[in-house]
Amino acid sequence: MSVDLLVIYTVRLEECRAFYTGLGLDLVPEKHGNGPEHYAAAFADGGVLELYPAARRPETGYVRLGLTAAPHRAGGRPAGRHTLTDPDGRTVVLTVPEPGGTTAGS
């Protein structure tokens, strides 16, 4: 089993887009039919993260996300695990592997 879709509803759409883009996600604008404009990023395994404006649906509450970013896409962060907080207060643990594939401190 794998996660193929994660949707986050936020009242801070642009701030969250900037935060997750800074982690190395390539978020692109999307719109499906009559739905709201939002952002989506595809993971290497085919899964998708979407950021939607919280309007008709309530804001996504506390979620702890674990993401791994290639060293060249990690926003200049060194190898290792970085515990961050997104603009809505969610914990995001970003793992940046060493260029050879290992993670510092693991």
C-alpha atoms as a PDB file:
ATOM      1  CA  MET A   1       0.000   0.000   0.000  1.00  0.00           C
ATOM      2  CA  SER A   2       1.132   3.564  -0.602  1.00  0.00           C
ATOM      3  CA  VAL A   3      -0.285   7.035  -0.160  1.00  0.00           C
ATOM      4  CA  ASP A   4      -1.337   8.395  -3.527  1.00  0.00           C
ATOM      5  CA  LEU A   5      -3.082  11.620  -2.489  1.00  0.00           C
ATOM      6  CA  LEU A   6      -2.781  14.033   0.421  1.00  0.00           C
ATOM      7  CA  VAL A   7      -4.935  17.169   0.396  1.00  0.00           C
ATOM      8  CA  ILE A   8      -4.345  20.047   2.798  1.00  0.00           C
ATOM      9  CA  TYR A   9      -7.025  22.733   3.158  1.00  0.00           C
ATOM     10  CA  THR A  10      -5.628  26.053   4.346  1.00  0.00           C
ATOM     11  CA  VAL A  11      -6.606  29.692   4.804  1.00  0.00           C
ATOM     12  CA  ARG A  12      -2.932  30.557   4.117  1.00  0.00           C
ATOM     13  CA  LEU A  13      -2.738  29.120   0.610  1.00  0.00           C
ATOM     14  CA  GLU A  14       0.064  31.316  -0.751  1.00  0.00           C
ATOM     15  CA  GLU A  15       2.114  31.083   2.444  1.00  0.00           C
ATOM     16  CA  CYS A  16       1.802  27.276   2.407  1.00  0.00           C
ATOM     17  CA  ARG A  17       2.669  27.177  -1.289  1.00  0.00           C
ATOM     18  CA  ALA A  18       5.839  29.172  -0.588  1.00  0.00           C
ATOM     19  CA  PHE A  19       6.726  26.962   2.403  1.00  0.00           C
ATOM     20  CA  TYR A  20       6.322  23.650   0.551  1.00  0.00           C
ATOM     21  CA  THR A  21       8.029  25.016  -2.559  1.00  0.00           C
ATOM     22  CA  GLY A  22      10.940  25.946  -0.282  1.00  0.00           C
ATOM     23  CA  LEU A  23      11.145  22.275   0.735  1.00  0.00           C
ATOM     24  CA  GLY A  24      11.690  21.295  -2.885  1.00  0.00           C
ATOM     25  CA  LEU A  25       8.148  20.485  -4.038  1.00  0.00           C
ATOM     26  CA  ASP A  26       7.249  21.662  -7.513  1.00  0.00           C
ATOM     27  CA  LEU A  27       3.735  22.983  -6.827  1.00  0.00           C
ATOM     28  CA  VAL A  28       1.825  23.933  -9.941  1.00  0.00           C
ATOM     29  CA  PRO A  29      -1.542  25.698 -10.191  1.00  0.00           C
ATOM     30  CA  GLU A  30      -4.520  23.467 -11.008  1.00  0.00           C
ATOM     31  CA  LYS A  31      -8.271  23.696 -11.323  1.00  0.00           C
ATOM     32  CA  HIS A  32     -10.645  20.768 -11.838  1.00  0.00           C
ATOM     33  CA  GLY A  33     -13.954  21.673 -13.481  1.00  0.00           C
ATOM     34  CA  ASN A  34     -15.844  24.148 -11.303  1.00  0.00           C
ATOM     35  CA  GLY A  35     -13.627  23.496  -8.283  1.00  0.00           C
ATOM     36  CA  PRO A  36     -11.343  26.093  -6.714  1.00  0.00           C
ATOM     37  CA  GLU A  37      -7.911  26.959  -7.982  1.00  0.00           C
ATOM     38  CA  HIS A  38      -5.281  25.124  -5.948  1.00  0.00           C
ATOM     39  CA  TYR A  39      -1.708  23.806  -6.135  1.00  0.00           C
ATOM     40  CA  ALA A  40      -0.460  20.256  -6.709  1.00  0.00           C
ATOM     41  CA  ALA A  41       2.908  18.525  -6.602  1.00  0.00           C
ATOM     42  CA  ALA A  42       3.673  14.982  -7.743  1.00  0.00           C
ATOM     43  CA  PHE A  43       6.060  12.794  -5.764  1.00  0.00           C
ATOM     44  CA  ALA A  44       8.567  10.473  -7.423  1.00  0.00           C
ATOM     45  CA  ASP A  45       6.396   7.439  -6.555  1.00  0.00           C
ATOM     46  CA  GLY A  46       3.336   8.962  -8.245  1.00  0.00           C
ATOM     47  CA  GLY A  47       1.638  10.290  -5.104  1.00  0.00           C
ATOM     48  CA  VAL A  48       0.273  13.835  -5.118  1.00  0.00           C
ATOM     49  CA  LEU A  49       0.149  16.603  -2.509  1.00  0.00           C
ATOM     50  CA  GLU A  50      -2.528  19.240  -3.092  1.00  0.00           C
ATOM     51  CA  LEU A  51      -2.999  22.544  -1.306  1.00  0.00           C
ATOM     52  CA  TYR A  52      -6.567  23.846  -1.429  1.00  0.00           C
ATOM     53  CA  PRO A  53      -8.064  27.039  -0.063  1.00  0.00           C
ATOM     54  CA  ALA A  54     -10.204  26.317   3.002  1.00  0.00           C
ATOM     55  CA  ALA A  55     -13.586  27.680   2.006  1.00  0.00           C
ATOM     56  CA  ARG A  56     -16.346  25.126   1.545  1.00  0.00           C
ATOM     57  CA  ARG A  57     -14.245  22.627   3.512  1.00  0.00           C
ATOM     58  CA  PRO A  58     -12.691  23.377   6.895  1.00  0.00           C
ATOM     59  CA  GLU A  59      -8.994  23.875   7.410  1.00  0.00           C
ATOM     60  CA  THR A  60      -6.978  20.678   7.750  1.00  0.00           C
ATOM     61  CA  GLY A  61      -6.115  20.282  11.414  1.00  0.00           C
ATOM     62  CA  TYR A  62      -2.959  18.891  12.871  1.00  0.00           C
ATOM     63  CA  VAL A  63      -1.101  16.549  10.550  1.00  0.00           C
ATOM     64  CA  ARG A  64       2.523  15.471  10.883  1.00  0.00           C
ATOM     65  CA  LEU A  65       4.153  15.074   7.481  1.00  0.00           C
ATOM     66  CA  GLY A  66       7.389  13.290   6.719  1.00  0.00           C
ATOM     67  CA  LEU A  67       9.002  14.272   3.430  1.00  0.00           C
ATOM     68  CA  THR A  68      12.315  13.363   1.813  1.00  0.00           C
ATOM     69  CA  ALA A  69      13.952  15.808  -0.584  1.00  0.00           C
ATOM     70  CA  ALA A  70      16.955  15.264  -2.812  1.00  0.00           C
ATOM     71  CA  PRO A  71      19.896  17.367  -1.603  1.00  0.00           C
ATOM     72  CA  HIS A  72      19.711  19.659  -4.648  1.00  0.00           C
ATOM     73  CA  ARG A  73      15.972  20.330  -4.019  1.00  0.00           C
ATOM     74  CA  ALA A  74      16.012  20.838  -0.232  1.00  0.00           C
ATOM     75  CA  GLY A  75      16.197  24.622  -0.220  1.00  0.00           C
ATOM     76  CA  GLY A  76      19.863  24.646   0.752  1.00  0.00           C
ATOM     77  CA  ARG A  77      19.339  22.516   3.868  1.00  0.00           C
ATOM     78  CA  PRO A  78      22.183  20.155   4.764  1.00  0.00           C
ATOM     79  CA  ALA A  79      21.830  16.381   4.981  1.00  0.00           C
ATOM     80  CA  GLY A  80      19.900  15.180   8.010  1.00  0.00           C
ATOM     81  CA  ARG A  81      16.427  15.460   9.502  1.00  0.00           C
ATOM     82  CA  HIS A  82      14.915  18.900   9.903  1.00  0.00           C
ATOM     83  CA  THR A  83      11.775  19.423  11.994  1.00  0.00           C
ATOM     84  CA  LEU A  84       9.906  22.404  10.585  1.00  0.00           C
ATOM     85  CA  THR A  85       6.511  24.019  11.037  1.00  0.00           C
ATOM     86  CA  ASP A  86       4.336  25.064   8.107  1.00  0.00           C
ATOM     87  CA  PRO A  87       2.357  28.353   8.135  1.00  0.00           C
ATOM     88  CA  ASP A  88      -0.684  26.581   9.635  1.00  0.00           C
ATOM     89  CA  GLY A  89       1.324  25.002  12.482  1.00  0.00           C
ATOM     90  CA  ARG A  90       1.670  21.481  11.081  1.00  0.00           C
ATOM     91  CA  THR A  91       4.925  19.651  11.840  1.00  0.00           C
ATOM     92  CA  VAL A  92       6.919  18.720   8.752  1.00  0.00           C
ATOM     93  CA  VAL A  93       9.946  16.476   9.163  1.00  0.00           C
ATOM     94  CA  LEU A  94      12.162  16.952   6.129  1.00  0.00           C
ATOM     95  CA  THR A  95      14.822  14.309   5.528  1.00  0.00           C
ATOM     96  CA  VAL A  96      17.690  15.295   3.273  1.00  0.00           C
ATOM     97  CA  PRO A  97      19.937  12.327   2.405  1.00  0.00           C
ATOM     98  CA  GLU A  98      23.666  12.617   1.906  1.00  0.00           C
ATOM     99  CA  PRO A  99      24.565  12.814  -1.805  1.00  0.00           C
ATOM    100  CA  GLY A 100      25.490   9.097  -1.589  1.00  0.00           C
ATOM    101  CA  GLY A 101      22.037   8.191  -0.292  1.00  0.00           C
ATOM    102  CA  THR A 102      22.427   7.994   3.513  1.00  0.00           C
ATOM    103  CA  THR A 103      20.944  10.379   6.057  1.00  0.00           C
ATOM    104  CA  ALA A 104      23.248  12.122   8.515  1.00  0.00           C
ATOM    105  CA  GLY A 105      22.464  11.130  12.093  1.00  0.00           C
ATOM    106  CA  SER A 106      20.657   7.900  11.232  1.00  0.00           C
END
